[in-house]
Amino acid sequence: MTITAEPTRISCKEAGYSEDVVQRLEQHFAKLIESDKIQCASYLLSRNGQVFADGAAGQLHYKLPDSQFKQHAIRRIASITKLFTAVAIFQLIEQGKLFLRQPVADWIEEFKHPMFEQISIMHLLTHTSGLAADPFYYLEPYPVGWGQIRFAFEPEEEGEDGAAVPSEQLEKQKQTSWIRALLAGKPLSRPGEEWNYSSSGYTLLGEVIARASGMRYEHYVMEHIVAPLGMKRTFFEVPEELQHEVCIINDYEMKRLERSKLGAYDAPRAGGGLYSTLWDLFRFGQMLLNGGQLDGVRILSRKSVEKMSGNVLDKGIHAFSWGGKIKDKTYGLGPLLIPAGEWLSENTFGHEGAGRCILLLDQGRNAVILFFVPSNTDWCPESMIGTQNIIGAGWL
């Protein structure tokens, strides 16, 4: 596997950015690593498609003290994957195969029930479907996700009369058991009423993409987004020969990497299944800043990017948001939006990922802000919020 060609570079001065703040950022990362608040850190800052600052420090693998975390290291990007899912949805919309207000029931028959029939593709994109929020979203003490109850929805191979279930019926039930598990409970709210962060909704979008395109979700994203953008170190299944270059922070991530091969009955990994690198994500982000194209390759129309990156929620949408209790939530069709008054331009959009990482796209400055701060701690505000504040202080 080759490494994508290095992007064009400019100086901090040419980018209108303080060199002192870059030094402060690297010192900040060094202190967090030294105090064991994070295992390692890397970052990339660009303006007008040209990188003016990047770096990496710390330990690549939690069991290998001498392993070095470098700029080209591969890292699980978790929920940043949702941006790829949103792009795939808009590609299919542009092809006339989907539309935003289309009922999910048009594609997934399990939604043909009074509880779910009003949920649309748009509701899933914006986390307003009313479906179950991510475990621990409500700070519940014993969170349980649908994956932990899927076993209860696995099909019986014999019917009530003792006769064998037809193989075609059995196969279908095996493929959709995760959908039934996901829909096992009553919705939290009616569609469009509340914002509840739901990775499950994006898993369902992955299934819609698969059925509308005729390809497995993961294969669609690799063929129609990752490959055209030249993202040569981005994968759902990291090749065995590159697994030693993946940043790992604990046993769970190690086992996840070893079992990354797609199974026949796995749910789509549309809510958080990608691995990538700083440079690959820079290319993806710059494509969106360019209005859907990069290096002469068009991934989306400009109008689709504009639609994705603007607020589409009605005024007064509430969000509990891990204790945040937001009274007037704003959100794009896939991306999170930076509220007015924050440290970036008002029209900045992007996404965070657990474990931890962030990709932010500042449309006002045509800037990509990207960093990884892998950590095995529950939450480290200095690594996410503190880092963003330092970066925001650098614009001249």
Protein backbone atom coordinates (compact mmCIF):
# COMPACT_ATOMS: atom_id res chain seq x y z
CA MET A 1 0.00 0.00 0.00
CA THR A 2 1.36 3.40 -0.97
CA ILE A 3 1.05 6.58 1.01
CA THR A 4 -0.94 9.37 -0.63
CA ALA A 5 1.31 12.10 -2.05
CA GLU A 6 2.02 14.83 0.45
CA PRO A 7 -0.13 17.96 0.01
CA THR A 8 1.28 21.33 -0.94
CA ARG A 9 2.70 23.23 2.02
CA ILE A 10 2.80 26.90 2.94
CA SER A 11 4.16 28.75 5.96
CA CYS A 12 2.09 29.82 8.95
CA LYS A 13 2.65 33.42 7.88
CA GLU A 14 1.24 32.71 4.41
CA ALA A 15 -1.78 31.04 6.02
CA GLY A 16 -2.39 33.97 8.36
CA TYR A 17 -1.67 31.87 11.43
CA SER A 18 0.56 32.34 14.48
CA GLU A 19 3.71 30.19 14.70
CA ASP A 20 3.67 30.76 18.46
CA VAL A 21 0.27 29.07 18.70
CA VAL A 22 1.55 26.04 16.78
CA GLN A 23 4.34 25.73 19.36
CA ARG A 24 1.77 26.13 22.15
CA LEU A 25 -0.34 23.38 20.59
CA GLU A 26 2.58 20.95 20.49
CA GLN A 27 3.52 21.80 24.08
CA HIS A 28 -0.11 21.19 25.06
CA PHE A 29 -0.03 17.73 23.50
CA ALA A 30 3.32 16.95 25.15
CA LYS A 31 1.92 17.79 28.60
CA LEU A 32 -1.19 15.66 28.04
CA ILE A 33 0.95 12.71 26.95
CA GLU A 34 3.38 13.13 29.85
CA SER A 35 0.49 13.17 32.35
CA ASP A 36 -1.05 10.03 30.76
CA LYS A 37 -4.26 11.86 29.89
CA ILE A 38 -3.78 10.82 26.27
CA GLN A 39 -1.63 8.11 24.70
CA CYS A 40 -0.58 10.16 21.68
CA ALA A 41 -1.61 13.07 19.47
CA SER A 42 -1.45 14.24 15.88
CA TYR A 43 -2.84 17.22 14.01
CA LEU A 44 -3.10 18.86 10.60
CA LEU A 45 -4.08 22.44 9.78
CA SER A 46 -4.57 23.73 6.25
CA ARG A 47 -5.83 26.78 4.42
CA ASN A 48 -6.92 27.01 0.78
CA GLY A 49 -5.94 23.38 0.26
CA GLN A 50 -2.37 23.87 1.53
CA VAL A 51 -1.04 22.46 4.80
CA PHE A 52 0.72 24.95 7.07
CA ALA A 53 1.13 22.89 10.25
CA ASP A 54 1.09 19.21 11.17
CA GLY A 55 2.77 16.91 13.63
CA ALA A 56 2.54 13.79 15.77
CA ALA A 57 3.85 12.57 19.12
CA GLY A 58 3.39 9.75 21.58
CA GLN A 59 2.99 5.99 21.54
CA LEU A 60 1.33 4.14 18.65
CA HIS A 61 0.41 0.91 20.46
CA TYR A 62 -0.56 0.68 24.13
CA LYS A 63 1.50 -2.50 24.63
CA LEU A 64 4.60 -1.30 22.76
CA PRO A 65 6.34 1.54 24.64
CA ASP A 66 8.86 2.08 21.84
CA SER A 67 6.25 2.37 19.08
CA GLN A 68 5.94 5.89 17.67
CA PHE A 69 2.72 7.59 16.62
CA LYS A 70 3.47 9.33 13.31
CA GLN A 71 1.47 11.48 10.88
CA HIS A 72 0.83 8.52 8.58
CA ALA A 73 -0.47 6.26 11.38
CA ILE A 74 -3.84 4.64 10.78
CA ARG A 75 -6.49 5.30 13.40
CA ARG A 76 -10.12 4.31 13.95
CA ILE A 77 -12.13 7.45 13.18
CA ALA A 78 -15.39 6.27 14.79
CA SER A 79 -18.28 8.67 14.13
CA ILE A 80 -16.43 10.73 11.52
CA THR A 81 -17.59 7.78 9.40
CA LYS A 82 -21.06 9.35 9.57
CA LEU A 83 -19.88 12.09 7.19
CA PHE A 84 -19.03 9.42 4.60
CA THR A 85 -22.49 7.93 5.11
CA ALA A 86 -24.10 11.33 4.55
CA VAL A 87 -22.07 11.85 1.37
CA ALA A 88 -23.19 8.42 0.11
CA ILE A 89 -26.84 9.30 0.79
CA PHE A 90 -26.50 12.53 -1.18
CA GLN A 91 -24.82 10.74 -4.06
CA LEU A 92 -27.83 8.44 -4.31
CA ILE A 93 -30.18 11.41 -4.03
CA GLU A 94 -28.37 13.02 -6.97
CA GLN A 95 -28.88 9.78 -8.91
CA GLY A 96 -32.62 9.93 -8.25
CA LYS A 97 -32.61 6.74 -6.16
CA LEU A 98 -33.47 8.39 -2.83
CA PHE A 99 -35.02 11.59 -1.53
CA LEU A 100 -34.61 13.25 1.86
CA ARG A 101 -38.21 13.06 3.05
CA GLN A 102 -38.65 9.51 1.80
CA PRO A 103 -40.00 7.13 4.47
CA VAL A 104 -37.43 4.59 5.58
CA ALA A 105 -40.27 2.07 5.26
CA ASP A 106 -39.92 2.33 1.48
CA TRP A 107 -36.63 0.46 1.85
CA ILE A 108 -36.88 -1.46 5.14
CA GLU A 109 -40.13 -3.34 5.67
CA GLU A 110 -39.68 -3.53 9.46
CA PHE A 111 -40.51 0.20 9.51
CA LYS A 112 -44.02 -0.52 8.19
CA HIS A 113 -45.51 -0.16 11.65
CA PRO A 114 -47.38 2.80 13.22
CA MET A 115 -44.43 3.43 15.57
CA PHE A 116 -41.90 3.84 12.75
CA GLU A 117 -43.69 4.52 9.46
CA GLN A 118 -43.30 8.32 9.68
CA ILE A 119 -39.52 8.20 10.09
CA SER A 120 -37.74 9.56 7.01
CA ILE A 121 -34.19 9.46 5.69
CA MET A 122 -33.86 13.09 6.78
CA HIS A 123 -34.81 12.17 10.36
CA LEU A 124 -32.05 9.55 10.46
CA LEU A 125 -29.47 11.98 9.05
CA THR A 126 -30.33 14.63 11.65
CA HIS A 127 -30.72 12.36 14.73
CA THR A 128 -34.38 13.36 15.05
CA SER A 129 -35.98 9.99 14.26
CA GLY A 130 -36.94 9.30 17.86
CA LEU A 131 -35.09 5.97 17.75
CA ALA A 132 -32.91 4.88 20.66
CA ALA A 133 -29.99 7.18 21.46
CA ASP A 134 -26.47 5.84 21.89
CA PRO A 135 -25.84 3.99 25.17
CA PHE A 136 -24.93 6.45 27.98
CA TYR A 137 -26.40 9.43 26.05
CA TYR A 138 -28.78 9.98 28.97
CA LEU A 139 -26.00 9.24 31.48
CA GLU A 140 -27.82 6.03 32.42
CA PRO A 141 -25.82 3.91 34.90
CA TYR A 142 -26.16 0.58 33.05
CA PRO A 143 -26.35 1.38 29.33
CA VAL A 144 -27.40 -1.37 26.91
CA GLY A 145 -27.22 -1.14 23.13
CA TRP A 146 -29.16 -3.12 20.54
CA GLY A 147 -26.08 -5.20 19.78
CA GLN A 148 -26.29 -6.71 23.26
CA ILE A 149 -29.85 -7.98 22.74
CA ARG A 150 -29.52 -9.11 19.12
CA PHE A 151 -29.22 -12.72 20.25
CA ALA A 152 -32.89 -12.59 21.30
CA PHE A 153 -33.92 -11.93 17.70
CA GLU A 154 -31.93 -14.67 16.03
CA PRO A 155 -34.31 -16.94 14.10
CA GLU A 156 -35.32 -20.43 15.18
CA GLU A 157 -34.44 -23.09 12.64
CA GLU A 158 -37.65 -24.97 13.40
CA GLY A 159 -41.21 -23.66 13.39
CA GLU A 160 -43.78 -24.22 16.16
CA ASP A 161 -44.88 -27.42 14.42
CA GLY A 162 -41.32 -28.77 14.47
CA ALA A 163 -40.89 -28.43 10.73
CA ALA A 164 -37.70 -26.86 9.40
CA VAL A 165 -37.99 -23.18 8.45
CA PRO A 166 -37.45 -22.75 4.69
CA SER A 167 -33.82 -21.83 3.99
CA GLU A 168 -34.72 -18.64 2.12
CA GLN A 169 -36.86 -17.41 5.01
CA LEU A 170 -34.20 -18.38 7.54
CA GLU A 171 -31.51 -16.52 5.60
CA LYS A 172 -33.62 -13.35 5.47
CA GLN A 173 -34.28 -13.52 9.20
CA LYS A 174 -30.57 -13.90 9.92
CA GLN A 175 -29.75 -10.87 7.76
CA THR A 176 -32.36 -8.67 9.44
CA SER A 177 -32.14 -9.79 13.09
CA TRP A 178 -30.14 -6.65 13.90
CA ILE A 179 -32.95 -4.47 12.52
CA ARG A 180 -35.54 -6.14 14.75
CA ALA A 181 -33.23 -5.76 17.76
CA LEU A 182 -32.69 -2.09 16.95
CA LEU A 183 -36.46 -1.48 16.76
CA ALA A 184 -37.25 -3.52 19.88
CA GLY A 185 -38.32 -0.60 22.05
CA LYS A 186 -40.76 2.27 21.86
CA PRO A 187 -39.33 5.42 20.19
CA LEU A 188 -38.14 8.16 22.55
CA SER A 189 -40.18 10.79 20.72
CA ARG A 190 -42.12 11.40 17.53
CA PRO A 191 -40.01 12.07 14.42
CA GLY A 192 -38.72 15.64 14.27
CA GLU A 193 -39.53 16.52 17.90
CA GLU A 194 -36.20 15.96 19.68
CA TRP A 195 -32.51 15.56 18.88
CA ASN A 196 -31.13 12.31 20.28
CA TYR A 197 -27.71 11.24 19.03
CA SER A 198 -28.34 7.87 17.42
CA SER A 199 -25.61 5.87 15.74
CA SER A 200 -28.31 3.26 15.20
CA GLY A 201 -29.97 5.66 12.79
CA TYR A 202 -26.79 5.76 10.72
CA THR A 203 -26.54 1.98 10.78
CA LEU A 204 -30.00 1.99 9.21
CA LEU A 205 -28.87 4.57 6.64
CA GLY A 206 -26.13 2.12 5.73
CA GLU A 207 -28.81 -0.48 5.02
CA VAL A 208 -30.76 2.01 2.90
CA ILE A 209 -27.57 2.76 0.93
CA ALA A 210 -26.98 -0.96 0.39
CA ARG A 211 -30.51 -1.60 -0.86
CA ALA A 212 -30.67 1.51 -3.05
CA SER A 213 -27.25 0.95 -4.63
CA GLY A 214 -27.30 -2.84 -4.84
CA MET A 215 -23.92 -2.95 -3.09
CA ARG A 216 -22.90 -3.64 0.48
CA TYR A 217 -22.60 -0.29 2.30
CA GLU A 218 -18.88 -0.67 2.98
CA HIS A 219 -18.14 -1.59 -0.63
CA TYR A 220 -20.16 1.39 -1.87
CA VAL A 221 -18.23 3.88 0.27
CA MET A 222 -14.87 2.42 -0.73
CA GLU A 223 -15.72 2.42 -4.44
CA HIS A 224 -17.58 5.73 -4.73
CA ILE A 225 -15.86 7.96 -2.13
CA VAL A 226 -12.60 6.56 -0.77
CA ALA A 227 -11.02 5.27 -4.01
CA PRO A 228 -11.92 8.29 -6.22
CA LEU A 229 -10.37 10.62 -3.62
CA GLY A 230 -7.12 8.65 -3.54
CA MET A 231 -7.54 7.82 0.16
CA LYS A 232 -5.14 4.90 0.02
CA ARG A 233 -4.90 4.31 3.77
CA THR A 234 -8.62 4.36 4.58
CA PHE A 235 -10.41 1.07 5.24
CA PHE A 236 -13.28 -0.73 6.90
CA GLU A 237 -11.07 -3.82 6.93
CA VAL A 238 -7.42 -2.91 7.54
CA PRO A 239 -5.17 -5.23 5.49
CA GLU A 240 -3.16 -7.59 7.67
CA GLU A 241 0.13 -6.18 6.37
CA LEU A 242 -0.83 -2.71 7.66
CA GLN A 243 -2.29 -3.63 11.04
CA HIS A 244 1.03 -2.90 12.76
CA GLU A 245 0.58 0.74 11.67
CA VAL A 246 -2.79 1.13 13.41
CA CYS A 247 -2.94 3.15 16.63
CA ILE A 248 -4.39 0.95 19.40
CA ILE A 249 -5.26 2.17 22.90
CA ASN A 250 -6.72 -0.91 24.64
CA ASP A 251 -7.65 -4.60 24.39
CA TYR A 252 -11.08 -3.82 22.95
CA GLU A 253 -9.57 -1.96 20.00
CA MET A 254 -7.04 -4.74 19.46
CA LYS A 255 -9.79 -7.37 19.27
CA ARG A 256 -11.89 -5.11 17.06
CA LEU A 257 -9.02 -4.72 14.60
CA GLU A 258 -8.35 -8.46 14.54
CA ARG A 259 -12.04 -9.11 13.83
CA SER A 260 -12.43 -6.32 11.27
CA LYS A 261 -13.29 -8.70 8.43
CA LEU A 262 -16.87 -8.11 7.32
CA GLY A 263 -19.25 -10.92 8.28
CA ALA A 264 -22.21 -12.09 6.21
CA TYR A 265 -24.74 -11.02 8.84
CA ASP A 266 -23.01 -7.92 10.21
CA ALA A 267 -24.97 -4.68 10.37
CA PRO A 268 -23.56 -1.92 8.15
CA ARG A 269 -20.68 -0.03 9.75
CA ALA A 270 -22.19 3.28 8.72
CA GLY A 271 -22.15 4.86 12.17
CA GLY A 272 -18.47 4.40 12.95
CA GLY A 273 -16.52 1.69 11.16
CA LEU A 274 -13.76 3.42 9.19
CA TYR A 275 -10.02 3.59 9.83
CA SER A 276 -8.08 6.45 8.24
CA THR A 277 -5.16 8.88 8.52
CA LEU A 278 -4.62 12.62 8.84
CA TRP A 279 -3.74 13.05 5.18
CA ASP A 280 -6.60 10.95 3.88
CA LEU A 281 -9.12 12.83 6.00
CA PHE A 282 -7.57 16.10 4.83
CA ARG A 283 -8.39 15.07 1.26
CA PHE A 284 -11.95 14.17 2.19
CA GLY A 285 -12.42 17.44 4.08
CA GLN A 286 -10.93 19.57 1.32
CA MET A 287 -13.29 17.91 -1.17
CA LEU A 288 -16.23 19.17 0.88
CA LEU A 289 -14.70 22.66 1.24
CA ASN A 290 -14.23 22.72 -2.54
CA GLY A 291 -17.94 22.18 -3.04
CA GLY A 292 -17.77 18.44 -3.66
CA GLN A 293 -14.69 18.01 -5.86
CA LEU A 294 -10.94 17.47 -5.49
CA ASP A 295 -8.18 17.24 -8.09
CA GLY A 296 -10.70 17.21 -10.92
CA VAL A 297 -12.78 14.40 -9.39
CA ARG A 298 -16.35 15.33 -8.45
CA ILE A 299 -17.86 13.38 -5.57
CA LEU A 300 -20.89 15.59 -4.88
CA SER A 301 -22.56 18.61 -6.43
CA ARG A 302 -21.98 21.99 -4.84
CA LYS A 303 -25.69 22.21 -3.99
CA SER A 304 -25.52 18.93 -2.06
CA VAL A 305 -22.61 20.20 0.05
CA GLU A 306 -24.50 23.43 0.72
CA LYS A 307 -27.56 21.45 1.76
CA MET A 308 -25.55 19.14 4.02
CA SER A 309 -23.67 21.90 5.81
CA GLY A 310 -26.56 24.21 6.74
CA ASN A 311 -28.96 23.98 9.68
CA VAL A 312 -32.13 22.07 8.83
CA LEU A 313 -33.72 21.74 12.28
CA ASP A 314 -36.80 23.71 13.22
CA LYS A 315 -36.40 26.30 15.97
CA GLY A 316 -36.98 24.94 19.45
CA ILE A 317 -35.67 21.40 18.98
CA HIS A 318 -34.42 20.16 22.36
CA ALA A 319 -31.40 17.95 22.98
CA PHE A 320 -30.28 16.38 26.26
CA SER A 321 -26.83 15.78 24.75
CA TRP A 322 -24.94 13.98 27.55
CA GLY A 323 -26.30 16.38 30.15
CA GLY A 324 -26.02 19.50 27.96
CA LYS A 325 -29.79 20.21 27.87
CA ILE A 326 -29.73 22.30 24.69
CA LYS A 327 -32.98 24.20 24.07
CA ASP A 328 -32.48 25.15 20.43
CA LYS A 329 -30.36 22.52 18.69
CA THR A 330 -28.88 23.14 15.25
CA TYR A 331 -27.62 20.37 12.97
CA GLY A 332 -26.84 19.71 9.34
CA LEU A 333 -27.75 16.74 7.16
CA GLY A 334 -24.93 14.64 8.58
CA PRO A 335 -22.44 17.18 9.98
CA LEU A 336 -22.43 18.92 13.33
CA LEU A 337 -22.50 22.71 13.08
CA ILE A 338 -20.44 25.13 15.17
CA PRO A 339 -22.82 27.53 16.98
CA ALA A 340 -22.47 31.28 16.49
CA GLY A 341 -19.90 32.83 18.80
CA GLU A 342 -17.58 29.83 18.96
CA TRP A 343 -13.89 30.05 18.01
CA LEU A 344 -14.34 29.15 14.34
CA SER A 345 -16.32 30.81 11.59
CA GLU A 346 -20.07 30.51 12.06
CA ASN A 347 -20.47 28.29 8.99
CA THR A 348 -17.98 25.67 10.19
CA PHE A 349 -19.13 22.05 10.04
CA GLY A 350 -17.64 18.60 10.61
CA HIS A 351 -17.80 15.71 13.06
CA GLU A 352 -16.15 14.26 16.15
CA GLY A 353 -15.25 10.63 16.72
CA ALA A 354 -14.99 8.59 19.91
CA GLY A 355 -11.57 7.61 20.98
CA ARG A 356 -10.88 10.70 20.13
CA CYS A 357 -10.67 12.71 16.94
CA ILE A 358 -12.28 15.61 15.11
CA LEU A 359 -12.56 16.93 11.57
CA LEU A 360 -13.74 20.53 11.25
CA LEU A 361 -14.19 22.45 8.01
CA ASP A 362 -14.08 26.23 8.32
CA GLN A 363 -15.82 27.53 5.20
CA GLY A 364 -15.10 31.15 6.07
CA ARG A 365 -11.33 30.57 6.02
CA ASN A 366 -11.34 27.57 3.65
CA ALA A 367 -9.48 25.73 6.40
CA VAL A 368 -9.30 22.08 7.47
CA ILE A 369 -8.78 21.50 11.21
CA LEU A 370 -8.04 17.91 12.09
CA PHE A 371 -6.58 16.16 15.11
CA PHE A 372 -6.36 12.77 16.81
CA VAL A 373 -5.93 12.57 20.59
CA PRO A 374 -6.31 8.83 21.35
CA SER A 375 -7.01 8.16 24.99
CA ASN A 376 -8.20 5.29 27.15
CA THR A 377 -9.78 7.63 29.72
CA ASP A 378 -13.55 8.17 29.86
CA TRP A 379 -13.37 11.87 29.03
CA CYS A 380 -10.55 14.40 28.84
CA PRO A 381 -11.88 17.90 28.08
CA GLU A 382 -8.36 19.30 27.76
CA SER A 383 -7.69 17.02 24.79
CA MET A 384 -10.81 17.98 22.82
CA ILE A 385 -12.11 21.34 24.02
CA GLY A 386 -8.71 22.67 25.12
CA THR A 387 -7.12 21.71 21.80
CA GLN A 388 -9.87 23.43 19.82
CA ASN A 389 -9.48 26.59 21.89
CA ILE A 390 -5.72 26.69 21.32
CA ILE A 391 -6.13 26.17 17.58
CA GLY A 392 -8.81 28.84 17.44
CA ALA A 393 -6.48 31.38 19.05
CA GLY A 394 -3.98 31.13 16.20
CA TRP A 395 -5.79 32.93 13.40
CA LEU A 396 -4.31 36.36 12.76
